[in-house]
Amino acid sequence: MSAVSPRKSSKRKPSRGMLARYHNRIVEVLGEARGQRVMIRSIHDDGVERRTAVKWINLLPVDAELF
């Protein structure tokens, strides 16, 4: 039996203001972009806030505990 990927189990588009995990960051969803993408806001390692369009399927739900 194959394991279910966390990405495959999340099929709903994220709503505006939602917190999600993108790679090693916690991000805020700003809204829908073109196609299957959403705009996110994140703080990078250098301390700079960036806004980026990413595919919503690559966003993972945030665990019950953030810290």
C-alpha atoms as a PDB file:
ATOM      1  CA  MET A   1       0.000   0.000   0.000  1.00  0.00           C
ATOM      2  CA  SER A   2       1.397   3.407  -0.921  1.00  0.00           C
ATOM      3  CA  ALA A   3       1.691   6.334   1.472  1.00  0.00           C
ATOM      4  CA  VAL A   4      -0.493   9.374   0.857  1.00  0.00           C
ATOM      5  CA  SER A   5       1.457  12.549   0.182  1.00  0.00           C
ATOM      6  CA  PRO A   6       0.426  15.614   2.248  1.00  0.00           C
ATOM      7  CA  ARG A   7       0.295  17.607  -0.985  1.00  0.00           C
ATOM      8  CA  LYS A   8      -2.231  15.253  -2.563  1.00  0.00           C
ATOM      9  CA  SER A   9      -4.557  15.364   0.438  1.00  0.00           C
ATOM     10  CA  SER A  10      -4.955  19.160   0.242  1.00  0.00           C
ATOM     11  CA  LYS A  11      -7.059  19.849  -2.839  1.00  0.00           C
ATOM     12  CA  ARG A  12      -8.816  23.047  -1.809  1.00  0.00           C
ATOM     13  CA  LYS A  13      -7.460  26.412  -2.863  1.00  0.00           C
ATOM     14  CA  PRO A  14      -6.151  28.354   0.126  1.00  0.00           C
ATOM     15  CA  SER A  15      -8.246  31.332   1.204  1.00  0.00           C
ATOM     16  CA  ARG A  16      -6.969  34.868   1.647  1.00  0.00           C
ATOM     17  CA  GLY A  17      -5.220  35.466   4.988  1.00  0.00           C
ATOM     18  CA  MET A  18      -4.556  31.773   5.567  1.00  0.00           C
ATOM     19  CA  LEU A  19      -1.182  30.681   6.944  1.00  0.00           C
ATOM     20  CA  ALA A  20       0.550  27.859   5.082  1.00  0.00           C
ATOM     21  CA  ARG A  21       3.943  26.195   4.795  1.00  0.00           C
ATOM     22  CA  TYR A  22       5.980  26.754   1.614  1.00  0.00           C
ATOM     23  CA  HIS A  23       9.328  24.929   1.639  1.00  0.00           C
ATOM     24  CA  ASN A  24      10.930  25.923   4.967  1.00  0.00           C
ATOM     25  CA  ARG A  25       8.789  29.048   5.554  1.00  0.00           C
ATOM     26  CA  ILE A  26       5.439  29.901   7.068  1.00  0.00           C
ATOM     27  CA  VAL A  27       3.683  32.205   4.591  1.00  0.00           C
ATOM     28  CA  GLU A  28       0.497  34.251   4.419  1.00  0.00           C
ATOM     29  CA  VAL A  29      -1.780  33.852   1.399  1.00  0.00           C
ATOM     30  CA  LEU A  30      -2.570  37.278  -0.074  1.00  0.00           C
ATOM     31  CA  GLY A  31      -4.977  36.219  -2.808  1.00  0.00           C
ATOM     32  CA  GLU A  32      -5.426  34.495  -6.116  1.00  0.00           C
ATOM     33  CA  ALA A  33      -3.025  35.085  -8.989  1.00  0.00           C
ATOM     34  CA  ARG A  34      -3.209  33.878 -12.573  1.00  0.00           C
ATOM     35  CA  GLY A  35      -3.971  30.237 -13.336  1.00  0.00           C
ATOM     36  CA  GLN A  36      -3.326  27.824 -10.475  1.00  0.00           C
ATOM     37  CA  ARG A  37      -1.224  30.305  -8.518  1.00  0.00           C
ATOM     38  CA  VAL A  38      -1.668  32.413  -5.411  1.00  0.00           C
ATOM     39  CA  MET A  39       0.275  35.396  -4.116  1.00  0.00           C
ATOM     40  CA  ILE A  40       2.067  34.810  -0.832  1.00  0.00           C
ATOM     41  CA  ARG A  41       3.964  37.022   1.609  1.00  0.00           C
ATOM     42  CA  SER A  42       6.991  35.632   3.412  1.00  0.00           C
ATOM     43  CA  ILE A  43      10.025  36.783   5.376  1.00  0.00           C
ATOM     44  CA  HIS A  44      13.284  35.415   3.974  1.00  0.00           C
ATOM     45  CA  ASP A  45      16.471  34.556   5.852  1.00  0.00           C
ATOM     46  CA  ASP A  46      17.893  38.032   5.167  1.00  0.00           C
ATOM     47  CA  GLY A  47      14.901  39.617   6.950  1.00  0.00           C
ATOM     48  CA  VAL A  48      13.333  41.042   3.794  1.00  0.00           C
ATOM     49  CA  GLU A  49       9.595  40.600   3.203  1.00  0.00           C
ATOM     50  CA  ARG A  50       8.838  39.291  -0.270  1.00  0.00           C
ATOM     51  CA  ARG A  51       5.669  38.721  -2.234  1.00  0.00           C
ATOM     52  CA  THR A  52       5.713  35.830  -4.652  1.00  0.00           C
ATOM     53  CA  ALA A  53       3.292  33.961  -6.909  1.00  0.00           C
ATOM     54  CA  VAL A  54       3.423  30.204  -6.292  1.00  0.00           C
ATOM     55  CA  LYS A  55       1.320  27.217  -7.331  1.00  0.00           C
ATOM     56  CA  TRP A  56      -1.261  26.654  -4.605  1.00  0.00           C
ATOM     57  CA  ILE A  57      -0.771  22.888  -4.787  1.00  0.00           C
ATOM     58  CA  ASN A  58       2.757  23.446  -3.352  1.00  0.00           C
ATOM     59  CA  LEU A  59       1.374  25.016  -0.164  1.00  0.00           C
ATOM     60  CA  LEU A  60       1.025  22.667   2.786  1.00  0.00           C
ATOM     61  CA  PRO A  61      -1.289  23.154   5.759  1.00  0.00           C
ATOM     62  CA  VAL A  62       0.333  24.528   8.923  1.00  0.00           C
ATOM     63  CA  ASP A  63       0.703  22.015  11.751  1.00  0.00           C
ATOM     64  CA  ALA A  64      -1.279  22.472  14.957  1.00  0.00           C
ATOM     65  CA  GLU A  65       1.729  24.152  16.600  1.00  0.00           C
ATOM     66  CA  LEU A  66       3.693  26.930  14.958  1.00  0.00           C
ATOM     67  CA  PHE A  67       6.396  27.281  17.619  1.00  0.00           C
END
